[in-house]
Amino acid sequence: MNKISYTLSAVALALVLSGCSQPNAQEGQQQPPPLTIDVAQVKMAPVQSWHTFTTRLQAPERVVLKPRVSGQVEQMTFKEGERIEKGQTLFRLDPRPFEVQVETLDAQLVSADAALMQAKSEARRAKQLVAEKAMSTELAEQRAATLRQAQANRDAIAAQLKKARLDLEFSQVEAPISGVISRAIVTKGNYVSAGETTLATIVSDQQIYAYFDVDERTWSDKFAGVDATDAVTVQLQRINGGASVPGVVDFIDNEINPNTGTLGVRAVFDAQQHGLKPGAFARISLGSADAATMPLVPERAIGTDLKNRFVLTVDANNTLQYRLVELGERYGAFRAIKSGLEAGDKVAANGPARVGPGMPITPNMVTLNLDDTRLVIAQRDTQLSAAN
């Protein structure tokens, strides 16, 4: 009897323990809460397709300054690296040899004028005597020839005097253009040779050019109807980054280079306003068409699946879905989407790094800020720059 009672008590105890442990087991099998991730709504904005080219900036005018006459440098009248104006005196050569030459030719011209006056008088007298038959025709012709010789001699000396005065004027070397001058390559006391010795270099600083080559296929596909008079807008990006500089295309070559298969194009920029220097490396972005509205997502939201590109969209049940997309141009931290997304779609802003298709999530909505991202070339800013 006692044995049976012990058995029943053990069974009852087991049932009680089983009933107590069941809720705890169910609690252990509950799913964790959905992962919280950043979710952003697709941003619709007008964008342009850009083509980028590398180049070196060039000054519209660059002068290698050389003297027109030979002589010894007496004075340097500018500060190296400063801005100079057209016509400003930069170097002075010793003027004394040129002054002596001018004085000598002045005296010779006075003598030639006297000889010419005498020859004219004798020619007139000979003409009268021939008419009176008091002089032979042969002698009169000799006096006429002497007159012509005196006139030619006087003209030659006058021409030499004109050149000597020019040489005296050229002993002061003036700036042929306005711009910024380099260091002086030749300084005071040195002898310089006409047309040979380099004194300094001057580059214009109002505007600056960027020459670049566009391949034939790109030009035919994207810019076939473009003319230099259209003032097509461009953006210049410096090597150190920073804000883009607006400009316009002002020259398109008249033929495609058969050796390279490219067309030469030139853009012009305001050099002073933006501190652009000749010789600097730059990237030129050329917009190929008018702006078109496209969806934009963060670049990090895009995943790679073999050859495909995809994003993870969020459906009405807050579940991630796989969506194939066709990529457009990149604009800073954002990417335009040609196809696969529409206005109102929501995407996982940080991409598929920690999540995957079919996962339920808790969305943390974030806003895409495009204020500091250039999506189109600023037409108005560029036109104002060109007008200036």
Protein backbone atom coordinates (compact mmCIF):
# COMPACT_ATOMS: atom_id res chain seq x y z
CA MET A 1 0.00 0.00 0.00
CA ASN A 2 2.79 2.38 0.90
CA LYS A 3 4.61 1.47 -2.31
CA ILE A 4 1.59 2.42 -4.36
CA SER A 5 1.26 5.73 -2.48
CA TYR A 6 4.91 6.61 -3.17
CA THR A 7 4.42 5.86 -6.85
CA LEU A 8 1.33 8.07 -7.13
CA SER A 9 3.10 10.90 -5.30
CA ALA A 10 6.05 10.72 -7.70
CA VAL A 11 3.73 10.85 -10.73
CA ALA A 12 1.85 13.83 -9.30
CA LEU A 13 5.09 15.66 -8.58
CA ALA A 14 6.28 15.05 -12.15
CA LEU A 15 3.05 16.45 -13.55
CA VAL A 16 3.35 19.55 -11.40
CA LEU A 17 6.95 20.14 -12.43
CA SER A 18 6.06 19.57 -16.09
CA GLY A 19 3.30 22.15 -15.89
CA CYS A 20 5.59 24.68 -14.28
CA SER A 21 8.40 24.26 -16.82
CA GLN A 22 6.26 24.54 -20.00
CA PRO A 23 5.76 28.31 -19.95
CA ASN A 24 9.49 28.83 -19.40
CA ALA A 25 10.31 26.70 -22.46
CA GLN A 26 7.88 28.65 -24.61
CA GLU A 27 9.41 31.89 -23.44
CA GLY A 28 12.88 30.64 -24.49
CA GLN A 29 11.62 29.86 -27.99
CA GLN A 30 10.24 33.38 -28.70
CA GLN A 31 11.84 35.23 -31.72
CA PRO A 32 14.05 38.32 -31.06
CA PRO A 33 12.59 41.73 -32.05
CA PRO A 34 13.24 42.86 -35.69
CA LEU A 35 16.56 44.62 -36.35
CA THR A 36 16.37 48.42 -36.51
CA ILE A 37 18.01 49.84 -39.64
CA ASP A 38 18.11 53.21 -41.41
CA VAL A 39 15.51 53.48 -44.15
CA ALA A 40 15.28 56.36 -46.64
CA GLN A 41 12.66 57.29 -49.17
CA VAL A 42 13.93 57.58 -52.72
CA LYS A 43 14.69 61.19 -53.62
CA MET A 44 13.48 62.38 -57.02
CA ALA A 45 15.61 65.18 -58.48
CA PRO A 46 16.73 66.59 -61.87
CA VAL A 47 20.18 65.31 -62.84
CA GLN A 48 22.51 65.65 -65.80
CA SER A 49 24.79 63.11 -67.40
CA TRP A 50 28.36 64.44 -67.15
CA HIS A 51 31.53 63.58 -69.00
CA THR A 52 34.82 64.34 -67.27
CA PHE A 53 38.13 65.22 -68.93
CA THR A 54 41.52 66.04 -67.46
CA THR A 55 43.61 68.99 -68.56
CA ARG A 56 46.15 71.65 -67.63
CA LEU A 57 45.01 75.26 -67.44
CA GLN A 58 46.52 77.79 -69.84
CA ALA A 59 46.59 81.58 -69.89
CA PRO A 60 44.92 83.16 -72.95
CA GLU A 61 48.04 85.32 -73.37
CA ARG A 62 51.60 84.41 -72.42
CA VAL A 63 54.62 86.48 -73.38
CA VAL A 64 58.27 85.55 -73.15
CA LEU A 65 59.74 89.00 -72.73
CA LYS A 66 62.86 89.69 -74.83
CA PRO A 67 64.57 92.99 -75.68
CA ARG A 68 64.23 94.48 -79.17
CA VAL A 69 67.72 95.99 -78.98
CA SER A 70 71.01 94.86 -77.51
CA GLY A 71 72.54 96.61 -74.55
CA GLN A 72 73.33 96.58 -70.85
CA VAL A 73 70.51 96.43 -68.29
CA GLU A 74 70.61 99.65 -66.29
CA GLN A 75 67.47 99.26 -64.17
CA MET A 76 64.66 96.82 -63.35
CA THR A 77 61.50 98.81 -62.59
CA PHE A 78 59.02 96.19 -61.33
CA LYS A 79 58.51 93.91 -58.38
CA GLU A 80 58.76 90.24 -59.22
CA GLY A 81 55.44 88.40 -59.13
CA GLU A 82 53.30 91.54 -59.15
CA ARG A 83 50.51 92.42 -61.53
CA ILE A 84 51.61 94.80 -64.28
CA GLU A 85 49.72 96.85 -66.85
CA LYS A 86 50.20 97.00 -70.60
CA GLY A 87 52.74 99.71 -71.51
CA GLN A 88 54.40 99.71 -68.09
CA THR A 89 58.21 100.04 -68.23
CA LEU A 90 59.86 96.90 -66.86
CA PHE A 91 63.55 97.15 -67.83
CA ARG A 92 65.74 100.08 -68.84
CA LEU A 93 68.85 99.53 -70.93
CA ASP A 94 71.73 102.02 -70.98
CA PRO A 95 70.35 104.64 -73.42
CA ARG A 96 73.61 106.49 -74.17
CA PRO A 97 74.70 104.50 -77.23
CA PHE A 98 71.27 105.01 -78.77
CA GLU A 99 71.22 108.72 -77.93
CA VAL A 100 74.61 109.16 -79.63
CA GLN A 101 73.32 107.41 -82.74
CA VAL A 102 70.27 109.69 -82.83
CA GLU A 103 72.41 112.82 -82.48
CA THR A 104 74.76 111.65 -85.24
CA LEU A 105 71.94 111.00 -87.66
CA ASP A 106 70.28 114.29 -86.74
CA ALA A 107 73.45 116.09 -87.87
CA GLN A 108 73.69 114.01 -91.02
CA LEU A 109 70.08 114.82 -91.83
CA VAL A 110 70.78 118.55 -91.52
CA SER A 111 73.69 118.15 -93.94
CA ALA A 112 71.57 116.08 -96.32
CA ASP A 113 68.83 118.72 -96.24
CA ALA A 114 71.37 121.42 -97.20
CA ALA A 115 72.74 119.31 -100.04
CA LEU A 116 69.21 118.64 -101.24
CA MET A 117 68.34 122.37 -101.24
CA GLN A 118 71.47 123.13 -103.27
CA ALA A 119 70.72 120.32 -105.73
CA LYS A 120 67.15 121.60 -106.17
CA SER A 121 68.42 125.14 -106.82
CA GLU A 122 70.98 123.97 -109.38
CA ALA A 123 68.40 121.79 -111.12
CA ARG A 124 65.96 124.71 -111.42
CA ARG A 125 68.77 126.98 -112.76
CA ALA A 126 69.83 124.32 -115.27
CA LYS A 127 66.25 124.05 -116.51
CA GLN A 128 66.14 127.83 -117.16
CA LEU A 129 69.52 127.86 -118.90
CA VAL A 130 68.49 125.00 -121.19
CA ALA A 131 65.37 126.96 -122.13
CA GLU A 132 67.62 129.97 -122.97
CA LYS A 133 70.00 127.60 -124.79
CA ALA A 134 72.78 128.70 -122.45
CA MET A 135 73.47 125.15 -121.14
CA SER A 136 73.66 121.83 -122.82
CA THR A 137 70.92 119.27 -122.22
CA GLU A 138 73.51 116.75 -121.05
CA LEU A 139 74.72 119.02 -118.24
CA ALA A 140 71.14 119.77 -117.18
CA GLU A 141 70.40 116.06 -116.96
CA GLN A 142 73.48 115.61 -114.74
CA ARG A 143 72.13 118.26 -112.34
CA ALA A 144 68.71 116.54 -112.33
CA ALA A 145 70.43 113.23 -111.48
CA THR A 146 72.36 114.97 -108.68
CA LEU A 147 69.02 116.22 -107.31
CA ARG A 148 67.55 112.73 -107.30
CA GLN A 149 70.67 111.38 -105.60
CA ALA A 150 70.50 114.09 -102.94
CA GLN A 151 66.83 113.32 -102.33
CA ALA A 152 67.54 109.60 -101.97
CA ASN A 153 70.44 110.25 -99.61
CA ARG A 154 68.27 112.52 -97.48
CA ASP A 155 65.48 109.88 -97.34
CA ALA A 156 67.96 107.15 -96.35
CA ILE A 157 69.34 109.23 -93.50
CA ALA A 158 65.79 110.09 -92.36
CA ALA A 159 64.93 106.37 -92.30
CA GLN A 160 68.08 105.60 -90.30
CA LEU A 161 67.17 108.36 -87.87
CA LYS A 162 63.68 106.93 -87.46
CA LYS A 163 65.16 103.52 -86.68
CA ALA A 164 67.65 105.05 -84.22
CA ARG A 165 64.82 106.79 -82.40
CA LEU A 166 62.92 103.50 -82.26
CA ASP A 167 66.02 101.79 -80.83
CA LEU A 168 66.24 104.54 -78.21
CA GLU A 169 62.56 103.97 -77.39
CA PHE A 170 63.09 100.21 -77.26
CA SER A 171 65.89 100.66 -74.73
CA GLN A 172 62.98 100.90 -72.28
CA VAL A 173 61.36 97.47 -72.32
CA GLU A 174 57.61 97.81 -71.81
CA ALA A 175 54.93 95.22 -71.01
CA PRO A 176 53.11 94.18 -74.21
CA ILE A 177 50.14 92.80 -72.21
CA SER A 178 48.60 93.19 -68.77
CA GLY A 179 49.06 90.31 -66.36
CA VAL A 180 51.34 88.82 -63.74
CA ILE A 181 55.10 88.90 -64.29
CA SER A 182 57.54 86.20 -63.25
CA ARG A 183 60.87 86.62 -61.53
CA ALA A 184 63.51 88.55 -63.44
CA ILE A 185 65.68 86.09 -65.34
CA VAL A 186 68.21 88.83 -66.19
CA THR A 187 69.05 91.52 -63.66
CA LYS A 188 70.84 94.87 -63.56
CA GLY A 189 74.32 94.97 -65.14
CA ASN A 190 73.87 92.10 -67.56
CA TYR A 191 74.27 92.50 -71.30
CA VAL A 192 71.30 91.34 -73.34
CA SER A 193 70.98 90.55 -77.04
CA ALA A 194 68.10 91.70 -79.20
CA GLY A 195 65.51 88.97 -79.73
CA GLU A 196 67.56 86.35 -77.89
CA THR A 197 67.86 87.01 -74.16
CA THR A 198 64.80 86.14 -72.06
CA LEU A 199 64.13 88.83 -69.46
CA ALA A 200 60.96 87.47 -67.81
CA THR A 201 57.57 85.95 -68.67
CA ILE A 202 54.12 87.53 -68.40
CA VAL A 203 50.80 85.68 -68.26
CA SER A 204 47.37 87.28 -68.46
CA ASP A 205 45.24 86.81 -65.35
CA GLN A 206 41.70 87.91 -66.18
CA GLN A 207 40.52 84.67 -67.76
CA ILE A 208 41.96 81.19 -68.11
CA TYR A 209 41.56 78.45 -70.72
CA ALA A 210 41.12 74.72 -70.33
CA TYR A 211 41.74 72.71 -73.50
CA PHE A 212 40.51 69.12 -73.57
CA ASP A 213 39.89 66.42 -76.17
CA VAL A 214 36.54 64.65 -76.61
CA ASP A 215 36.61 61.29 -78.38
CA GLU A 216 34.70 61.10 -81.65
CA ARG A 217 32.08 58.60 -80.44
CA THR A 218 31.15 60.64 -77.36
CA TRP A 219 30.96 63.84 -79.37
CA SER A 220 28.77 62.25 -82.05
CA ASP A 221 26.45 60.62 -79.50
CA LYS A 222 26.11 63.46 -76.99
CA PHE A 223 27.19 66.76 -78.52
CA ALA A 224 26.70 66.50 -82.28
CA GLY A 225 24.44 69.56 -82.40
CA VAL A 226 26.58 71.74 -80.13
CA ASP A 227 28.21 74.90 -81.43
CA ALA A 228 30.66 77.22 -79.67
CA THR A 229 28.07 80.02 -79.81
CA ASP A 230 25.76 77.91 -77.62
CA ALA A 231 27.96 78.68 -74.57
CA VAL A 232 27.63 75.11 -73.27
CA THR A 233 28.13 75.06 -69.51
CA VAL A 234 31.02 73.22 -67.85
CA GLN A 235 32.37 72.76 -64.33
CA LEU A 236 36.03 72.80 -63.30
CA GLN A 237 37.22 70.74 -60.35
CA ARG A 238 40.64 71.51 -58.90
CA ILE A 239 43.08 68.87 -57.71
CA ASN A 240 42.43 69.75 -54.07
CA GLY A 241 38.67 69.38 -54.44
CA GLY A 242 36.62 72.22 -53.07
CA ALA A 243 33.82 74.06 -54.80
CA SER A 244 33.42 73.63 -58.54
CA VAL A 245 34.16 76.58 -60.81
CA PRO A 246 31.59 77.41 -63.53
CA GLY A 247 32.64 78.15 -67.10
CA VAL A 248 31.51 77.95 -70.71
CA VAL A 249 32.75 76.33 -73.91
CA ASP A 250 33.93 79.14 -76.21
CA PHE A 251 35.81 77.19 -78.89
CA ILE A 252 35.30 73.89 -80.74
CA ASP A 253 37.89 72.83 -83.32
CA ASN A 254 36.84 72.63 -86.95
CA GLU A 255 37.97 69.04 -87.52
CA ILE A 256 38.54 65.76 -85.72
CA ASN A 257 42.18 64.81 -85.33
CA PRO A 258 42.60 61.70 -87.53
CA ASN A 259 45.60 60.53 -85.49
CA THR A 260 43.84 60.52 -82.13
CA GLY A 261 40.17 60.36 -83.11
CA THR A 262 39.39 63.31 -80.83
CA LEU A 263 37.95 66.80 -81.19
CA GLY A 264 39.66 69.74 -79.48
CA VAL A 265 37.41 71.81 -77.21
CA ARG A 266 38.18 74.86 -75.06
CA ALA A 267 36.40 76.19 -71.99
CA VAL A 268 36.97 79.61 -70.45
CA PHE A 269 36.79 80.53 -66.76
CA ASP A 270 37.11 83.64 -64.60
CA ALA A 271 40.67 83.33 -63.30
CA GLN A 272 40.70 86.24 -60.85
CA GLN A 273 37.43 85.43 -59.12
CA HIS A 274 38.43 81.82 -58.47
CA GLY A 275 42.20 82.15 -58.11
CA LEU A 276 43.03 79.88 -61.06
CA LYS A 277 46.67 79.61 -62.14
CA PRO A 278 48.09 78.61 -65.54
CA GLY A 279 49.62 75.14 -65.56
CA ALA A 280 47.35 73.81 -62.80
CA PHE A 281 45.81 70.35 -63.17
CA ALA A 282 42.02 70.32 -63.45
CA ARG A 283 39.08 68.09 -64.28
CA ILE A 284 36.46 69.47 -66.63
CA SER A 285 32.88 68.16 -66.40
CA LEU A 286 30.73 68.69 -69.48
CA GLY A 287 26.98 68.17 -69.25
CA SER A 288 25.69 66.17 -72.22
CA ALA A 289 22.00 67.05 -72.16
CA ASP A 290 19.25 68.91 -70.38
CA ALA A 291 18.46 67.75 -66.85
CA ALA A 292 16.08 64.78 -66.43
CA THR A 293 14.33 63.81 -63.18
CA MET A 294 15.59 60.48 -61.81
CA PRO A 295 15.50 58.59 -58.47
CA LEU A 296 18.53 59.08 -56.22
CA VAL A 297 19.75 56.75 -53.45
CA PRO A 298 22.89 56.68 -51.32
CA GLU A 299 25.78 54.94 -53.06
CA ARG A 300 26.19 52.63 -50.05
CA ALA A 301 22.57 51.44 -50.46
CA ILE A 302 23.54 49.58 -53.65
CA GLY A 303 24.59 45.94 -53.43
CA THR A 304 26.37 43.71 -55.95
CA ASP A 305 25.11 40.27 -56.94
CA LEU A 306 27.54 38.84 -59.48
CA LYS A 307 26.95 41.13 -62.48
CA ASN A 308 23.76 42.65 -61.10
CA ARG A 309 23.21 45.71 -58.99
CA PHE A 310 20.37 45.74 -56.49
CA VAL A 311 18.87 47.55 -53.52
CA LEU A 312 16.78 46.28 -50.63
CA THR A 313 13.38 47.93 -50.59
CA VAL A 314 10.99 48.01 -47.64
CA ASP A 315 7.41 46.84 -48.27
CA ALA A 316 4.22 47.68 -46.40
CA ASN A 317 4.96 44.95 -43.82
CA ASN A 318 8.41 46.34 -43.08
CA THR A 319 10.03 43.38 -44.80
CA LEU A 320 13.10 43.76 -47.04
CA GLN A 321 12.69 42.90 -50.73
CA TYR A 322 15.32 42.31 -53.43
CA ARG A 323 15.09 44.86 -56.29
CA LEU A 324 17.30 44.90 -59.41
CA VAL A 325 18.31 48.38 -60.55
CA GLU A 326 20.13 49.98 -63.49
CA LEU A 327 22.67 52.54 -62.34
CA GLY A 328 23.09 56.04 -63.69
CA GLU A 329 25.72 58.67 -62.91
CA ARG A 330 27.24 59.15 -59.48
CA TYR A 331 26.87 62.53 -57.78
CA GLY A 332 29.00 62.75 -54.65
CA ALA A 333 27.62 60.24 -52.14
CA PHE A 334 24.52 59.55 -54.24
CA ARG A 335 23.73 57.49 -57.32
CA ALA A 336 21.05 58.12 -59.93
CA ILE A 337 18.92 55.07 -60.81
CA LYS A 338 17.88 54.71 -64.45
CA SER A 339 15.36 51.91 -63.81
CA GLY A 340 14.11 49.73 -60.94
CA LEU A 341 12.91 52.40 -58.52
CA GLU A 342 10.05 54.85 -58.48
CA ALA A 343 8.96 57.83 -56.43
CA GLY A 344 7.78 56.73 -53.00
CA ASP A 345 9.97 53.60 -52.78
CA LYS A 346 11.90 53.10 -49.56
CA VAL A 347 15.33 51.50 -49.43
CA ALA A 348 17.75 50.26 -46.82
CA ALA A 349 19.99 53.32 -46.65
CA ASN A 350 23.15 51.43 -45.65
CA GLY A 351 22.76 48.56 -48.10
CA PRO A 352 22.83 44.78 -47.55
CA ALA A 353 25.81 44.73 -45.18
CA ARG A 354 23.85 43.38 -42.14
CA VAL A 355 20.51 42.46 -43.66
CA GLY A 356 19.08 40.48 -46.55
CA PRO A 357 15.91 39.89 -48.54
CA GLY A 358 12.93 38.55 -46.60
CA MET A 359 14.03 39.94 -43.23
CA PRO A 360 11.50 41.87 -41.15
CA ILE A 361 12.91 45.12 -39.82
CA THR A 362 12.10 48.07 -37.64
CA PRO A 363 12.63 51.09 -39.92
CA ASN A 364 14.47 54.16 -38.66
CA MET A 365 13.45 56.77 -41.24
CA VAL A 366 16.21 59.13 -42.36
CA THR A 367 16.08 62.00 -44.85
CA LEU A 368 18.43 62.23 -47.83
CA ASN A 369 20.08 65.68 -47.89
CA LEU A 370 21.11 66.74 -51.39
CA ASP A 371 21.73 70.41 -50.56
CA ASP A 372 25.53 70.14 -50.89
CA THR A 373 25.49 67.82 -53.89
CA ARG A 374 25.71 69.26 -57.41
CA LEU A 375 23.31 67.35 -59.65
CA VAL A 376 23.21 69.70 -62.62
CA ILE A 377 25.64 72.30 -63.93
CA ALA A 378 24.48 75.68 -62.68
CA GLN A 379 23.32 77.43 -65.84
CA ARG A 380 22.75 80.81 -64.21
CA ASP A 381 26.09 80.94 -62.40
CA THR A 382 27.91 79.95 -65.57
CA GLN A 383 26.15 82.54 -67.71
CA LEU A 384 26.94 85.28 -65.18
CA SER A 385 30.59 84.19 -65.15
CA ALA A 386 30.71 84.28 -68.95
CA ALA A 387 29.12 87.74 -69.02
CA ASN A 388 31.71 89.04 -66.57
